[in-house]
Every structure is written in C-alpha cells, then in structure tokens.
Amino acid sequence: MSYLSVSTWSLHRLLGPLRLTVWNPGTGQHDTKEQEQPLVHSLLDLPAEAARRGYEALEVCHFHFPSTDSDYLAQLRDAFNNAGISFDTLLLDYGDLTTTDPARLEADKALIRRWIDAAAAAGAKQIRLVAGEAQPTDQEALERSAAGLSELAAYASDSGVRVITENFRPLTSIGDNCVKLLQLTGDEVGFITDFGNFSAPDKYGEFAQTLPASVSVHAKPHYDENGVPDEAELIRCLDTVREADYRGAIVLIYDGPGDMWEGLERVKPIVNSYL
C-alpha cells in the first residue's frame, strides 16, 4: 500500500532558518549561509504535528537541522518514535558527485558521509543524494556519479541507511539518464520520482521509466498564483503511479503562497484517493 508523507520543504516558512551549504572555491571549504524564515514548529515538534494531521512519514531537508550533535539527533529519533511516524528520508540538497575538481569531490564526499552518519543516528531509513550538477549530455559525468553513489551506498549500508537519488538537478533531468544511472548502480541505490522535475510533454513516459525503482514519489502539482493546484494535471501524474503499481510513500510538496499547511490540505484529498 502507498502511504502519505510530507517533505519539510513544504513547510519551510514554518521551521526557522534554512542553513544552506555552499562550496567556497576560494577557501576550498564548505560555508553555511543562513536564510531567515519564521519559526512556528521546531523540528523536534514536527513529527507529532505531522502525525496529528494524518501523515504517516516525513522527509527532512538537511538545511532544517538546527544541530547534528549526537544528543540532538537522539532527541529527533525519539520524537519520531514517540509520534509513531516514520523518518523515511533525509534529503541532502548539497553535493556534486560529477565535479572534476578533485579537492571539492573529496570534500563533498566527506560531508556526505557525515550526513549519512547523522541520518543513521536520527533513525532515517534513507538519505537522498544529488546525483550531480553536470549537464545531461555528459555521459562521463553519469559514470562518475554512479561510481560515487555506489561508494557512498556501501558506506551507508554499514549503518543501516539506504542511499537513494532523484530526478533532481541537471544530470538526472531526463528519464534515460535516470535509468542508466540505476543500471550502473544496481540494487545499491534507490530512487525518488518527483512530478515537477521532468519536463512536459515527455515527463509522463519518463515517470514510467523511474517509478519501478522508486521508494518515494514527490507529488508536486502545478499551482496558480493563489496556491490552488492544477487538479487535472496532478491526476494525470498520479495515474502513472497507479499504472506502475507503485507501493511506497507519496510525499506532498507545496511551495505556494499563504499558509503552508492550508496549501497542503488542498493537495491531500486528491492524493488520498490514490493511497
């Protein structure tokens, strides 16, 4: 059975500052840039709040972690356990496994390993890694990405965390590349299919390419200026999920105006009929 999940990206105006990771080529180090946002829910309070609203799982973006200290990660694990909700995926939004800069590649891999450790300590089942920033026509970059993902998947498996990737950023912006990447990594790496990250009109066929390997689906509708989803287009996307006999998390994505919980409530009834 599929089940309902939500990404913290859909609540990013409620969870306090975004702590964005960037590479500083001048210093050869990573910097953290904070982007201020209101704090309505702490991350520790969110599992209980999401469970109260009918969600069975959460995906948490790395930039919503106020700390990766061991004590904090233990508290977060307890918060999920006490709420009876699954910490499905830690979404790491930084990293370029296709970079040709050896210093950055090693630094990015080291940072990714630290986040894998954090995912394990917090009780996450999976960690989503960016396949790469290279252009989709760069087949050598695709092979570099596969090698990096396989290496990191082996590291993560020792901690009981599965590495997954997504049709996210340039390299995996087309279905053929996603399929080849999954072939190169075998069963070591899982996948997220995001409705908003392939381009029409080909995207409906591309969903069929990636859904068989997917452990998560990001239900990201088109929204109008008032945050109202395009129901017909979302249903067309969800129909591909049903046709693929997909069984896993369907994760609601909202980034429209106004109250974010209310925006999610406009999507939830449409998705619920596919669970």
Protein backbone atom coordinates (compact mmCIF):
# COMPACT_ATOMS: atom_id res chain seq x y z
CA MET A 1 0.00 0.00 0.00
CA SER A 2 1.10 3.57 -0.65
CA TYR A 3 1.07 5.95 2.30
CA LEU A 4 1.01 9.68 2.91
CA SER A 5 4.16 11.63 3.67
CA VAL A 6 5.24 15.26 3.59
CA SER A 7 8.56 16.98 2.97
CA THR A 8 9.83 19.70 5.27
CA TRP A 9 10.36 21.75 2.11
CA SER A 10 6.57 22.05 2.04
CA LEU A 11 6.77 23.74 5.45
CA HIS A 12 9.94 25.77 5.01
CA ARG A 13 8.28 29.03 6.03
CA LEU A 14 7.41 27.48 9.41
CA LEU A 15 10.62 25.75 10.52
CA GLY A 16 13.06 28.56 11.18
CA PRO A 17 16.25 29.46 9.31
CA LEU A 18 17.40 27.48 6.28
CA ARG A 19 21.05 26.51 6.74
CA LEU A 20 22.29 26.24 3.17
CA THR A 21 25.60 24.57 2.34
CA VAL A 22 27.75 26.12 -0.40
CA TRP A 23 31.21 25.39 -1.75
CA ASN A 24 33.73 28.22 -1.45
CA PRO A 25 36.35 27.69 -4.17
CA GLY A 26 38.47 30.47 -2.73
CA THR A 27 38.99 28.71 0.59
CA GLY A 28 38.43 25.16 -0.61
CA GLN A 29 35.87 24.67 2.14
CA HIS A 30 32.15 24.49 2.70
CA ASP A 31 30.31 27.53 4.03
CA THR A 32 26.88 27.67 5.65
CA LYS A 33 24.60 30.54 4.70
CA GLU A 34 21.51 31.14 6.80
CA GLN A 35 18.28 32.27 5.18
CA GLU A 36 15.86 33.61 7.77
CA GLN A 37 12.39 32.08 8.00
CA PRO A 38 9.78 32.19 10.78
CA LEU A 39 9.92 29.50 13.47
CA VAL A 40 6.41 28.14 14.08
CA HIS A 41 7.36 24.50 14.65
CA SER A 42 10.68 23.21 15.90
CA LEU A 43 11.97 20.16 14.05
CA LEU A 44 11.61 18.18 17.28
CA ASP A 45 7.90 19.10 17.46
CA LEU A 46 7.20 18.39 13.81
CA PRO A 47 6.76 14.57 13.92
CA ALA A 48 3.91 14.87 16.43
CA GLU A 49 2.32 17.74 14.49
CA ALA A 50 2.52 15.83 11.20
CA ALA A 51 1.07 12.69 12.79
CA ARG A 52 -1.78 14.75 14.24
CA ARG A 53 -2.56 15.96 10.73
CA GLY A 54 -2.73 12.43 9.29
CA TYR A 55 0.75 11.92 7.84
CA GLU A 56 2.49 8.59 8.29
CA ALA A 57 6.01 9.70 7.39
CA LEU A 58 8.29 12.69 6.93
CA GLU A 59 11.16 13.61 4.64
CA VAL A 60 13.51 16.13 6.27
CA CYS A 61 15.75 18.51 4.30
CA HIS A 62 19.27 18.79 5.67
CA PHE A 63 19.02 22.57 5.93
CA HIS A 64 16.26 22.23 8.54
CA PHE A 65 18.56 20.55 11.06
CA PRO A 66 19.50 23.13 13.71
CA SER A 67 22.18 20.74 15.01
CA THR A 68 23.84 17.43 14.15
CA ASP A 69 25.20 16.88 17.66
CA SER A 70 24.66 13.33 18.88
CA ASP A 71 22.34 14.44 21.70
CA TYR A 72 20.11 16.37 19.31
CA LEU A 73 19.96 13.50 16.80
CA ALA A 74 18.95 11.13 19.60
CA GLN A 75 16.17 13.54 20.59
CA LEU A 76 14.97 13.67 16.98
CA ARG A 77 14.91 9.87 16.77
CA ASP A 78 12.85 9.79 19.98
CA ALA A 79 10.48 12.44 18.61
CA PHE A 80 9.70 10.23 15.61
CA ASN A 81 9.32 7.12 17.74
CA ASN A 82 7.05 8.85 20.25
CA ALA A 83 4.86 10.27 17.47
CA GLY A 84 4.55 6.87 15.78
CA ILE A 85 5.64 8.33 12.44
CA SER A 86 8.40 7.17 10.11
CA PHE A 87 11.52 9.21 9.34
CA ASP A 88 11.67 7.98 5.77
CA THR A 89 14.33 10.15 4.15
CA LEU A 90 16.93 12.74 4.97
CA LEU A 91 17.07 14.95 1.87
CA LEU A 92 20.63 16.19 1.38
CA ASP A 93 20.31 19.10 -1.03
CA TYR A 94 24.03 19.70 -1.45
CA GLY A 95 26.83 17.80 -3.19
CA ASP A 96 28.21 17.33 -6.69
CA LEU A 97 29.47 13.83 -7.42
CA THR A 98 30.21 14.87 -11.01
CA THR A 99 32.63 17.70 -10.25
CA THR A 100 36.02 17.45 -11.94
CA ASP A 101 37.66 19.36 -9.09
CA PRO A 102 39.32 16.62 -7.00
CA ALA A 103 39.51 18.80 -3.89
CA ARG A 104 35.82 19.58 -3.99
CA LEU A 105 34.91 15.97 -4.76
CA GLU A 106 36.75 14.67 -1.72
CA ALA A 107 35.34 17.45 0.47
CA ASP A 108 31.80 16.77 -0.78
CA LYS A 109 32.13 13.03 -0.17
CA ALA A 110 33.39 13.67 3.35
CA LEU A 111 30.45 15.97 4.03
CA ILE A 112 28.02 13.41 2.58
CA ARG A 113 29.46 10.71 4.84
CA ARG A 114 28.87 12.96 7.85
CA TRP A 115 25.25 13.39 6.81
CA ILE A 116 24.91 9.63 6.35
CA ASP A 117 26.11 9.25 9.93
CA ALA A 118 23.56 11.86 11.02
CA ALA A 119 20.77 10.04 9.14
CA ALA A 120 21.66 6.81 10.92
CA ALA A 121 21.78 8.46 14.35
CA ALA A 122 18.40 10.16 13.80
CA GLY A 123 16.74 6.94 12.63
CA ALA A 124 16.23 7.82 8.95
CA LYS A 125 15.68 4.87 6.63
CA GLN A 126 17.24 6.57 3.62
CA ILE A 127 19.32 9.53 2.54
CA ARG A 128 18.68 11.24 -0.79
CA LEU A 129 21.89 12.35 -2.52
CA VAL A 130 22.14 14.65 -5.52
CA ALA A 131 23.37 12.63 -8.49
CA GLY A 132 25.26 15.60 -9.93
CA GLU A 133 25.26 19.06 -11.39
CA ALA A 134 26.74 18.10 -14.79
CA GLN A 135 24.70 18.55 -17.93
CA PRO A 136 22.52 15.62 -19.00
CA THR A 137 24.55 15.17 -22.21
CA ASP A 138 27.72 14.38 -20.23
CA GLN A 139 27.84 10.60 -20.17
CA GLU A 140 31.25 10.50 -18.48
CA ALA A 141 29.74 12.52 -15.64
CA LEU A 142 26.95 9.95 -15.38
CA GLU A 143 29.56 7.24 -14.85
CA ARG A 144 31.36 9.34 -12.23
CA SER A 145 28.06 9.86 -10.45
CA ALA A 146 27.30 6.13 -10.46
CA ALA A 147 30.73 5.36 -9.02
CA GLY A 148 30.29 7.95 -6.28
CA LEU A 149 26.78 6.79 -5.40
CA SER A 150 27.91 3.16 -5.22
CA GLU A 151 30.82 4.07 -2.95
CA LEU A 152 28.58 6.05 -0.62
CA ALA A 153 25.88 3.38 -0.68
CA ALA A 154 28.40 0.85 0.58
CA TYR A 155 29.37 3.22 3.38
CA ALA A 156 25.73 3.86 4.30
CA SER A 157 24.75 0.20 4.31
CA ASP A 158 27.06 -0.43 7.27
CA SER A 159 24.84 1.96 9.26
CA GLY A 160 21.55 0.53 8.03
CA VAL A 161 20.79 3.54 5.82
CA ARG A 162 19.97 3.21 2.12
CA VAL A 163 21.27 5.72 -0.42
CA ILE A 164 18.71 6.96 -2.92
CA THR A 165 18.81 9.67 -5.56
CA GLU A 166 16.21 11.60 -7.55
CA ASN A 167 15.33 13.18 -10.88
CA PHE A 168 16.74 16.37 -9.39
CA ARG A 169 19.26 18.84 -10.82
CA PRO A 170 20.62 18.72 -14.39
CA LEU A 171 22.21 15.27 -14.69
CA THR A 172 19.04 13.34 -13.90
CA SER A 173 16.64 15.75 -15.57
CA ILE A 174 15.84 13.18 -18.28
CA GLY A 175 14.47 9.70 -17.82
CA ASP A 176 17.09 7.88 -19.91
CA ASN A 177 19.86 9.15 -17.64
CA CYS A 178 17.96 8.04 -14.56
CA VAL A 179 17.56 4.54 -15.98
CA LYS A 180 21.23 4.29 -16.94
CA LEU A 181 22.32 5.53 -13.52
CA LEU A 182 20.17 2.91 -11.82
CA GLN A 183 21.54 0.23 -14.12
CA LEU A 184 25.11 1.24 -13.25
CA THR A 185 24.43 1.18 -9.51
CA GLY A 186 22.29 -1.96 -9.49
CA ASP A 187 20.24 -2.63 -6.37
CA GLU A 188 22.55 -0.50 -4.24
CA VAL A 189 20.73 2.78 -4.94
CA GLY A 190 17.03 3.61 -4.81
CA PHE A 191 15.14 6.48 -6.39
CA ILE A 192 12.65 9.30 -5.86
CA THR A 193 10.38 10.31 -8.72
CA ASP A 194 9.39 13.97 -8.49
CA PHE A 195 6.41 15.08 -10.58
CA GLY A 196 7.87 18.55 -11.05
CA ASN A 197 11.38 17.71 -12.20
CA PHE A 198 10.83 16.18 -15.62
CA SER A 199 9.61 18.40 -18.47
CA ALA A 200 6.32 18.08 -20.33
CA PRO A 201 5.24 16.56 -22.64
CA ASP A 202 7.71 13.68 -22.18
CA LYS A 203 7.50 13.51 -18.40
CA TYR A 204 4.55 11.12 -18.18
CA GLY A 205 6.51 8.48 -20.09
CA GLU A 206 9.60 9.24 -18.03
CA PHE A 207 7.65 8.53 -14.84
CA ALA A 208 7.10 5.01 -16.15
CA GLN A 209 10.88 4.67 -16.52
CA THR A 210 11.70 5.61 -12.92
CA LEU A 211 8.69 4.52 -10.86
CA PRO A 212 9.65 0.81 -10.77
CA ALA A 213 12.84 1.71 -8.87
CA SER A 214 11.24 4.40 -6.71
CA VAL A 215 10.79 4.22 -2.96
CA SER A 216 9.25 7.69 -2.80
CA VAL A 217 7.14 9.87 -5.09
CA HIS A 218 7.07 13.64 -4.72
CA ALA A 219 3.55 14.77 -5.56
CA LYS A 220 4.40 18.28 -6.71
CA PRO A 221 1.48 19.84 -8.61
CA HIS A 222 1.44 22.98 -10.70
CA TYR A 223 -0.01 25.81 -8.58
CA ASP A 224 -1.67 29.04 -9.67
CA GLU A 225 -0.93 32.43 -8.11
CA ASN A 226 -3.31 31.62 -5.25
CA GLY A 227 -1.70 28.27 -4.43
CA VAL A 228 -4.51 26.22 -5.97
CA PRO A 229 -3.21 23.00 -7.57
CA ASP A 230 -3.91 22.05 -11.17
CA GLU A 231 -6.03 19.04 -10.27
CA ALA A 232 -6.31 17.58 -13.77
CA GLU A 233 -2.54 17.63 -14.31
CA LEU A 234 -1.86 16.17 -10.87
CA ILE A 235 -4.34 13.36 -11.53
CA ARG A 236 -2.58 12.60 -14.80
CA CYS A 237 0.68 12.27 -12.85
CA LEU A 238 -0.92 10.12 -10.16
CA ASP A 239 -2.42 7.85 -12.81
CA THR A 240 1.12 6.91 -13.86
CA VAL A 241 1.79 5.90 -10.25
CA ARG A 242 -1.29 3.67 -10.22
CA GLU A 243 -0.38 2.16 -13.60
CA ALA A 244 3.10 1.30 -12.27
CA ASP A 245 1.53 -0.46 -9.26
CA TYR A 246 3.76 1.69 -7.07
CA ARG A 247 3.77 0.89 -3.36
CA GLY A 248 5.55 3.43 -1.20
CA ALA A 249 5.47 6.97 0.12
CA ILE A 250 3.59 9.67 -1.74
CA VAL A 251 5.11 12.87 -0.43
CA LEU A 252 3.14 16.11 -0.65
CA ILE A 253 5.06 19.13 -1.94
CA TYR A 254 3.74 22.65 -1.51
CA ASP A 255 5.61 25.87 -2.22
CA GLY A 256 2.80 28.27 -2.99
CA PRO A 257 1.67 31.44 -1.21
CA GLY A 258 -0.16 31.70 2.08
CA ASP A 259 -0.36 29.24 4.93
CA MET A 260 1.64 26.15 4.03
CA TRP A 261 -0.48 23.68 6.00
CA GLU A 262 -3.57 25.03 4.24
CA GLY A 263 -1.82 24.66 0.89
CA LEU A 264 -1.08 21.03 1.66
CA GLU A 265 -4.72 20.46 2.60
CA ARG A 266 -5.69 21.46 -0.94
CA VAL A 267 -3.49 18.67 -2.34
CA LYS A 268 -4.20 15.97 0.23
CA PRO A 269 -7.75 15.00 -0.90
CA ILE A 270 -6.56 14.50 -4.47
CA VAL A 271 -3.68 12.25 -3.38
CA ASN A 272 -5.69 10.34 -0.76
CA SER A 273 -7.73 8.59 -3.41
CA TYR A 274 -4.51 7.00 -4.72
CA LEU A 275 -3.33 5.63 -1.38
